[in-house]
Amino acid sequence: MGYFGDCFYNVAISPDGQTMASSGADNTVKVWQIATGQLLQTNIGHRGLVISVAFSPDGKTLASSSIDGTIKLWRTNC
């Protein structure tokens, strides 16, 4: 599992430990199933490198921030 040179800029693990969110230079936030490495979701909307990701305590929302100066909230499909 990996993209953008096989490394992620930042990762976060969901509260239930089942999924991982990653950010990178492709300006997206991706959500992966940890057990299988399957890509579950790709969130597109930032216009620059996504530098951080974090799950809400209930795991239903994912926050991301970018060098473009924006913070976005995403509903997780997991």
PDB file of N, CA and C in Angstrom:
ATOM      1  N   MET A   1       0.851  -1.157   0.000  1.00  0.00           N
ATOM      2  CA  MET A   1       0.000   0.000   0.000  1.00  0.00           C
ATOM      3  C   MET A   1       0.897   1.221   0.000  1.00  0.00           C
ATOM      4  N   GLY A   2       0.624   2.153  -0.859  1.00  0.00           N
ATOM      5  CA  GLY A   2       1.385   3.376  -0.883  1.00  0.00           C
ATOM      6  C   GLY A   2       1.167   4.136  -2.168  1.00  0.00           C
ATOM      7  N   TYR A   3       1.468   5.392  -2.154  1.00  0.00           N
ATOM      8  CA  TYR A   3       1.400   6.211  -3.345  1.00  0.00           C
ATOM      9  C   TYR A   3       2.355   7.368  -3.157  1.00  0.00           C
ATOM     10  N   PHE A   4       2.595   8.106  -4.197  1.00  0.00           N
ATOM     11  CA  PHE A   4       3.512   9.247  -4.212  1.00  0.00           C
ATOM     12  C   PHE A   4       4.860   8.794  -3.680  1.00  0.00           C
ATOM     13  N   GLY A   5       5.508   7.960  -4.531  1.00  0.00           N
ATOM     14  CA  GLY A   5       6.842   7.493  -4.180  1.00  0.00           C
ATOM     15  C   GLY A   5       6.859   6.492  -3.049  1.00  0.00           C
ATOM     16  N   ASP A   6       5.761   5.752  -2.866  1.00  0.00           N
ATOM     17  CA  ASP A   6       5.650   4.751  -1.820  1.00  0.00           C
ATOM     18  C   ASP A   6       5.765   5.323  -0.413  1.00  0.00           C
ATOM     19  N   CYS A   7       5.483   6.591  -0.236  1.00  0.00           N
ATOM     20  CA  CYS A   7       5.442   7.125   1.120  1.00  0.00           C
ATOM     21  C   CYS A   7       4.287   8.115   1.237  1.00  0.00           C
ATOM     22  N   PHE A   8       3.801   8.242   2.446  1.00  0.00           N
ATOM     23  CA  PHE A   8       2.696   9.145   2.744  1.00  0.00           C
ATOM     24  C   PHE A   8       3.255  10.353   3.474  1.00  0.00           C
ATOM     25  N   TYR A   9       2.576  11.457   3.324  1.00  0.00           N
ATOM     26  CA  TYR A   9       3.003  12.635   4.069  1.00  0.00           C
ATOM     27  C   TYR A   9       2.566  12.520   5.524  1.00  0.00           C
ATOM     28  N   ASN A  10       1.349  12.048   5.737  1.00  0.00           N
ATOM     29  CA  ASN A  10       0.828  11.898   7.092  1.00  0.00           C
ATOM     30  C   ASN A  10      -0.215  10.786   7.094  1.00  0.00           C
ATOM     31  N   VAL A  11      -0.393  10.127   8.225  1.00  0.00           N
ATOM     32  CA  VAL A  11      -1.416   9.087   8.352  1.00  0.00           C
ATOM     33  C   VAL A  11      -2.145   9.245   9.684  1.00  0.00           C
ATOM     34  N   ALA A  12      -3.358   8.704   9.735  1.00  0.00           N
ATOM     35  CA  ALA A  12      -4.147   8.651  10.968  1.00  0.00           C
ATOM     36  C   ALA A  12      -4.885   7.329  10.982  1.00  0.00           C
ATOM     37  N   ILE A  13      -5.016   6.731  12.151  1.00  0.00           N
ATOM     38  CA  ILE A  13      -5.737   5.476  12.327  1.00  0.00           C
ATOM     39  C   ILE A  13      -7.102   5.793  12.941  1.00  0.00           C
ATOM     40  N   SER A  14      -8.145   5.167  12.409  1.00  0.00           N
ATOM     41  CA  SER A  14      -9.495   5.384  12.934  1.00  0.00           C
ATOM     42  C   SER A  14      -9.590   4.876  14.367  1.00  0.00           C
ATOM     43  N   PRO A  15     -10.534   5.403  15.151  1.00  0.00           N
ATOM     44  CA  PRO A  15     -10.671   4.978  16.545  1.00  0.00           C
ATOM     45  C   PRO A  15     -10.908   3.477  16.718  1.00  0.00           C
ATOM     46  N   ASP A  16     -11.556   2.833  15.743  1.00  0.00           N
ATOM     47  CA  ASP A  16     -11.795   1.394  15.871  1.00  0.00           C
ATOM     48  C   ASP A  16     -10.620   0.560  15.368  1.00  0.00           C
ATOM     49  N   GLY A  17      -9.591   1.207  14.841  1.00  0.00           N
ATOM     50  CA  GLY A  17      -8.393   0.519  14.384  1.00  0.00           C
ATOM     51  C   GLY A  17      -8.552  -0.245  13.079  1.00  0.00           C
ATOM     52  N   GLN A  18      -9.667  -0.047  12.388  1.00  0.00           N
ATOM     53  CA  GLN A  18      -9.944  -0.795  11.164  1.00  0.00           C
ATOM     54  C   GLN A  18      -9.472  -0.090   9.893  1.00  0.00           C
ATOM     55  N   THR A  19      -9.419   1.243   9.921  1.00  0.00           N
ATOM     56  CA  THR A  19      -9.056   2.001   8.725  1.00  0.00           C
ATOM     57  C   THR A  19      -7.947   3.000   9.023  1.00  0.00           C
ATOM     58  N   MET A  20      -7.283   3.419   7.958  1.00  0.00           N
ATOM     59  CA  MET A  20      -6.206   4.393   8.041  1.00  0.00           C
ATOM     60  C   MET A  20      -6.445   5.449   6.966  1.00  0.00           C
ATOM     61  N   ALA A  21      -6.243   6.692   7.317  1.00  0.00           N
ATOM     62  CA  ALA A  21      -6.300   7.778   6.340  1.00  0.00           C
ATOM     63  C   ALA A  21      -4.874   8.212   6.046  1.00  0.00           C
ATOM     64  N   SER A  22      -4.618   8.547   4.796  1.00  0.00           N
ATOM     65  CA  SER A  22      -3.287   9.010   4.411  1.00  0.00           C
ATOM     66  C   SER A  22      -3.404  10.276   3.573  1.00  0.00           C
ATOM     67  N   SER A  23      -2.349  11.073   3.629  1.00  0.00           N
ATOM     68  CA  SER A  23      -2.294  12.289   2.823  1.00  0.00           C
ATOM     69  C   SER A  23      -0.963  12.330   2.106  1.00  0.00           C
ATOM     70  N   GLY A  24      -0.950  13.045   0.992  1.00  0.00           N
ATOM     71  CA  GLY A  24       0.289  13.121   0.234  1.00  0.00           C
ATOM     72  C   GLY A  24       0.309  14.273  -0.751  1.00  0.00           C
ATOM     73  N   ALA A  25       1.315  14.249  -1.598  1.00  0.00           N
ATOM     74  CA  ALA A  25       1.553  15.338  -2.543  1.00  0.00           C
ATOM     75  C   ALA A  25       0.563  15.357  -3.702  1.00  0.00           C
ATOM     76  N   ASP A  26      -0.269  14.322  -3.823  1.00  0.00           N
ATOM     77  CA  ASP A  26      -1.242  14.319  -4.916  1.00  0.00           C
ATOM     78  C   ASP A  26      -2.512  15.097  -4.561  1.00  0.00           C
ATOM     79  N   ASN A  27      -2.493  15.817  -3.444  1.00  0.00           N
ATOM     80  CA  ASN A  27      -3.580  16.706  -3.009  1.00  0.00           C
ATOM     81  C   ASN A  27      -4.842  15.951  -2.588  1.00  0.00           C
ATOM     82  N   THR A  28      -4.744  14.665  -2.319  1.00  0.00           N
ATOM     83  CA  THR A  28      -5.910  13.885  -1.918  1.00  0.00           C
ATOM     84  C   THR A  28      -5.747  13.324  -0.516  1.00  0.00           C
ATOM     85  N   VAL A  29      -6.870  12.894   0.035  1.00  0.00           N
ATOM     86  CA  VAL A  29      -6.904  12.152   1.290  1.00  0.00           C
ATOM     87  C   VAL A  29      -7.485  10.790   0.946  1.00  0.00           C
ATOM     88  N   LYS A  30      -6.760   9.742   1.271  1.00  0.00           N
ATOM     89  CA  LYS A  30      -7.213   8.393   0.947  1.00  0.00           C
ATOM     90  C   LYS A  30      -7.474   7.622   2.228  1.00  0.00           C
ATOM     91  N   VAL A  31      -8.480   6.763   2.172  1.00  0.00           N
ATOM     92  CA  VAL A  31      -8.844   5.926   3.314  1.00  0.00           C
ATOM     93  C   VAL A  31      -8.648   4.471   2.901  1.00  0.00           C
ATOM     94  N   TRP A  32      -7.938   3.730   3.741  1.00  0.00           N
ATOM     95  CA  TRP A  32      -7.550   2.351   3.457  1.00  0.00           C
ATOM     96  C   TRP A  32      -8.086   1.418   4.533  1.00  0.00           C
ATOM     97  N   GLN A  33      -8.399   0.190   4.144  1.00  0.00           N
ATOM     98  CA  GLN A  33      -8.708  -0.850   5.112  1.00  0.00           C
ATOM     99  C   GLN A  33      -7.374  -1.440   5.574  1.00  0.00           C
ATOM    100  N   ILE A  34      -7.103  -1.403   6.848  1.00  0.00           N
ATOM    101  CA  ILE A  34      -5.806  -1.820   7.367  1.00  0.00           C
ATOM    102  C   ILE A  34      -5.548  -3.314   7.138  1.00  0.00           C
ATOM    103  N   ALA A  35      -6.528  -4.155   7.395  1.00  0.00           N
ATOM    104  CA  ALA A  35      -6.319  -5.604   7.317  1.00  0.00           C
ATOM    105  C   ALA A  35      -5.934  -6.082   5.920  1.00  0.00           C
ATOM    106  N   THR A  36      -6.494  -5.435   4.879  1.00  0.00           N
ATOM    107  CA  THR A  36      -6.273  -5.898   3.511  1.00  0.00           C
ATOM    108  C   THR A  36      -5.428  -4.956   2.669  1.00  0.00           C
ATOM    109  N   GLY A  37      -5.301  -3.705   3.101  1.00  0.00           N
ATOM    110  CA  GLY A  37      -4.603  -2.702   2.292  1.00  0.00           C
ATOM    111  C   GLY A  37      -5.450  -2.148   1.162  1.00  0.00           C
ATOM    112  N   GLN A  38      -6.727  -2.490   1.136  1.00  0.00           N
ATOM    113  CA  GLN A  38      -7.641  -2.040   0.077  1.00  0.00           C
ATOM    114  C   GLN A  38      -7.957  -0.554   0.223  1.00  0.00           C
ATOM    115  N   LEU A  39      -7.887   0.168  -0.899  1.00  0.00           N
ATOM    116  CA  LEU A  39      -8.289   1.572  -0.922  1.00  0.00           C
ATOM    117  C   LEU A  39      -9.810   1.630  -0.880  1.00  0.00           C
ATOM    118  N   LEU A  40     -10.364   2.323   0.111  1.00  0.00           N
ATOM    119  CA  LEU A  40     -11.805   2.413   0.304  1.00  0.00           C
ATOM    120  C   LEU A  40     -12.389   3.712  -0.228  1.00  0.00           C
ATOM    121  N   GLN A  41     -11.607   4.771  -0.192  1.00  0.00           N
ATOM    122  CA  GLN A  41     -12.153   6.095  -0.485  1.00  0.00           C
ATOM    123  C   GLN A  41     -11.024   7.027  -0.873  1.00  0.00           C
ATOM    124  N   THR A  42     -11.273   7.888  -1.861  1.00  0.00           N
ATOM    125  CA  THR A  42     -10.343   8.956  -2.219  1.00  0.00           C
ATOM    126  C   THR A  42     -11.107  10.267  -2.170  1.00  0.00           C
ATOM    127  N   ASN A  43     -10.625  11.208  -1.369  1.00  0.00           N
ATOM    128  CA  ASN A  43     -11.257  12.523  -1.231  1.00  0.00           C
ATOM    129  C   ASN A  43     -10.429  13.550  -1.988  1.00  0.00           C
ATOM    130  N   ILE A  44     -11.075  14.225  -2.918  1.00  0.00           N
ATOM    131  CA  ILE A  44     -10.413  15.227  -3.760  1.00  0.00           C
ATOM    132  C   ILE A  44     -11.013  16.588  -3.444  1.00  0.00           C
ATOM    133  N   GLY A  45     -10.176  17.600  -3.281  1.00  0.00           N
ATOM    134  CA  GLY A  45     -10.702  18.935  -3.013  1.00  0.00           C
ATOM    135  C   GLY A  45      -9.647  19.947  -2.639  1.00  0.00           C
ATOM    136  N   HIS A  46      -8.533  19.499  -2.098  1.00  0.00           N
ATOM    137  CA  HIS A  46      -7.455  20.427  -1.772  1.00  0.00           C
ATOM    138  C   HIS A  46      -6.701  20.816  -3.048  1.00  0.00           C
ATOM    139  N   ARG A  47      -6.087  21.975  -3.023  1.00  0.00           N
ATOM    140  CA  ARG A  47      -5.320  22.452  -4.177  1.00  0.00           C
ATOM    141  C   ARG A  47      -3.821  22.432  -3.938  1.00  0.00           C
ATOM    142  N   GLY A  48      -3.411  21.785  -2.879  1.00  0.00           N
ATOM    143  CA  GLY A  48      -1.997  21.664  -2.547  1.00  0.00           C
ATOM    144  C   GLY A  48      -1.763  20.452  -1.683  1.00  0.00           C
ATOM    145  N   LEU A  49      -0.515  20.207  -1.367  1.00  0.00           N
ATOM    146  CA  LEU A  49      -0.107  19.081  -0.528  1.00  0.00           C
ATOM    147  C   LEU A  49      -0.957  19.023   0.734  1.00  0.00           C
ATOM    148  N   VAL A  50      -1.511  17.864   1.023  1.00  0.00           N
ATOM    149  CA  VAL A  50      -2.293  17.668   2.244  1.00  0.00           C
ATOM    150  C   VAL A  50      -1.309  17.280   3.343  1.00  0.00           C
ATOM    151  N   ILE A  51      -1.221  18.124   4.371  1.00  0.00           N
ATOM    152  CA  ILE A  51      -0.161  17.943   5.367  1.00  0.00           C
ATOM    153  C   ILE A  51      -0.605  17.221   6.633  1.00  0.00           C
ATOM    154  N   SER A  52      -1.914  17.157   6.885  1.00  0.00           N
ATOM    155  CA  SER A  52      -2.339  16.432   8.080  1.00  0.00           C
ATOM    156  C   SER A  52      -3.741  15.876   7.903  1.00  0.00           C
ATOM    157  N   VAL A  53      -3.996  14.766   8.602  1.00  0.00           N
ATOM    158  CA  VAL A  53      -5.310  14.126   8.622  1.00  0.00           C
ATOM    159  C   VAL A  53      -5.599  13.664  10.046  1.00  0.00           C
ATOM    160  N   ALA A  54      -6.878  13.662  10.425  1.00  0.00           N
ATOM    161  CA  ALA A  54      -7.275  13.200  11.761  1.00  0.00           C
ATOM    162  C   ALA A  54      -8.729  12.751  11.722  1.00  0.00           C
ATOM    163  N   PHE A  55      -9.011  11.644  12.408  1.00  0.00           N
ATOM    164  CA  PHE A  55     -10.378  11.144  12.543  1.00  0.00           C
ATOM    165  C   PHE A  55     -11.051  11.790  13.745  1.00  0.00           C
ATOM    166  N   SER A  56     -12.362  11.964  13.662  1.00  0.00           N
ATOM    167  CA  SER A  56     -13.147  12.376  14.820  1.00  0.00           C
ATOM    168  C   SER A  56     -13.225  11.197  15.782  1.00  0.00           C
ATOM    169  N   PRO A  57     -13.574  11.437  17.037  1.00  0.00           N
ATOM    170  CA  PRO A  57     -13.637  10.347  18.016  1.00  0.00           C
ATOM    171  C   PRO A  57     -14.588   9.209  17.627  1.00  0.00           C
ATOM    172  N   ASP A  58     -15.651   9.512  16.875  1.00  0.00           N
ATOM    173  CA  ASP A  58     -16.573   8.449  16.462  1.00  0.00           C
ATOM    174  C   ASP A  58     -16.177   7.811  15.130  1.00  0.00           C
ATOM    175  N   GLY A  59     -15.135   8.343  14.471  1.00  0.00           N
ATOM    176  CA  GLY A  59     -14.643   7.783  13.224  1.00  0.00           C
ATOM    177  C   GLY A  59     -15.472   8.094  11.994  1.00  0.00           C
ATOM    178  N   LYS A  60     -16.537   8.886  12.134  1.00  0.00           N
ATOM    179  CA  LYS A  60     -17.424   9.176  11.010  1.00  0.00           C
ATOM    180  C   LYS A  60     -16.996  10.390  10.195  1.00  0.00           C
ATOM    181  N   THR A  61     -16.095  11.172  10.745  1.00  0.00           N
ATOM    182  CA  THR A  61     -15.617  12.369  10.063  1.00  0.00           C
ATOM    183  C   THR A  61     -14.100  12.364  10.048  1.00  0.00           C
ATOM    184  N   LEU A  62     -13.548  12.838   8.954  1.00  0.00           N
ATOM    185  CA  LEU A  62     -12.110  12.931   8.781  1.00  0.00           C
ATOM    186  C   LEU A  62     -11.789  14.388   8.460  1.00  0.00           C
ATOM    187  N   ALA A  63     -10.831  14.958   9.164  1.00  0.00           N
ATOM    188  CA  ALA A  63     -10.395  16.334   8.912  1.00  0.00           C
ATOM    189  C   ALA A  63      -9.042  16.300   8.211  1.00  0.00           C
ATOM    190  N   SER A  64      -8.845  17.239   7.296  1.00  0.00           N
ATOM    191  CA  SER A  64      -7.552  17.347   6.613  1.00  0.00           C
ATOM    192  C   SER A  64      -7.191  18.810   6.450  1.00  0.00           C
ATOM    193  N   SER A  65      -5.881  19.069   6.434  1.00  0.00           N
ATOM    194  CA  SER A  65      -5.413  20.432   6.184  1.00  0.00           C
ATOM    195  C   SER A  65      -4.349  20.383   5.096  1.00  0.00           C
ATOM    196  N   SER A  66      -4.246  21.497   4.387  1.00  0.00           N
ATOM    197  CA  SER A  66      -3.371  21.555   3.222  1.00  0.00           C
ATOM    198  C   SER A  66      -2.535  22.824   3.232  1.00  0.00           C
ATOM    199  N   ILE A  67      -1.430  22.783   2.492  1.00  0.00           N
ATOM    200  CA  ILE A  67      -0.619  23.990   2.352  1.00  0.00           C
ATOM    201  C   ILE A  67      -1.341  25.052   1.543  1.00  0.00           C
ATOM    202  N   ASP A  68      -2.485  24.707   0.940  1.00  0.00           N
ATOM    203  CA  ASP A  68      -3.273  25.726   0.234  1.00  0.00           C
ATOM    204  C   ASP A  68      -4.046  26.616   1.212  1.00  0.00           C
ATOM    205  N   GLY A  69      -3.910  26.338   2.532  1.00  0.00           N
ATOM    206  CA  GLY A  69      -4.538  27.169   3.554  1.00  0.00           C
ATOM    207  C   GLY A  69      -5.942  26.729   3.930  1.00  0.00           C
ATOM    208  N   THR A  70      -6.380  25.564   3.451  1.00  0.00           N
ATOM    209  CA  THR A  70      -7.732  25.111   3.754  1.00  0.00           C
ATOM    210  C   THR A  70      -7.729  23.936   4.723  1.00  0.00           C
ATOM    211  N   ILE A  71      -8.836  23.816   5.424  1.00  0.00           N
ATOM    212  CA  ILE A  71      -9.141  22.659   6.254  1.00  0.00           C
ATOM    213  C   ILE A  71     -10.459  22.105   5.719  1.00  0.00           C
ATOM    214  N   LYS A  72     -10.507  20.804   5.506  1.00  0.00           N
ATOM    215  CA  LYS A  72     -11.732  20.186   4.977  1.00  0.00           C
ATOM    216  C   LYS A  72     -12.170  19.072   5.911  1.00  0.00           C
ATOM    217  N   LEU A  73     -13.492  18.890   5.969  1.00  0.00           N
ATOM    218  CA  LEU A  73     -14.099  17.792   6.718  1.00  0.00           C
ATOM    219  C   LEU A  73     -14.741  16.850   5.710  1.00  0.00           C
ATOM    220  N   TRP A  74     -14.491  15.563   5.888  1.00  0.00           N
ATOM    221  CA  TRP A  74     -14.982  14.537   4.979  1.00  0.00           C
ATOM    222  C   TRP A  74     -15.811  13.525   5.776  1.00  0.00           C
ATOM    223  N   ARG A  75     -16.897  13.075   5.204  1.00  0.00           N
ATOM    224  CA  ARG A  75     -17.664  11.988   5.796  1.00  0.00           C
ATOM    225  C   ARG A  75     -16.992  10.691   5.361  1.00  0.00           C
ATOM    226  N   THR A  76     -16.720   9.815   6.305  1.00  0.00           N
ATOM    227  CA  THR A  76     -16.091   8.542   5.943  1.00  0.00           C
ATOM    228  C   THR A  76     -17.182   7.570   5.502  1.00  0.00           C
ATOM    229  N   ASN A  77     -16.844   6.746   4.528  1.00  0.00           N
ATOM    230  CA  ASN A  77     -17.785   5.748   4.010  1.00  0.00           C
ATOM    231  C   ASN A  77     -17.540   4.395   4.631  1.00  0.00           C
ATOM    232  N   CYS A  78     -16.807   4.357   5.721  1.00  0.00           N
ATOM    233  CA  CYS A  78     -16.408   3.066   6.299  1.00  0.00           C
ATOM    234  C   CYS A  78     -17.245   2.756   7.525  1.00  0.00           C
TER     235      CYS A  78
END
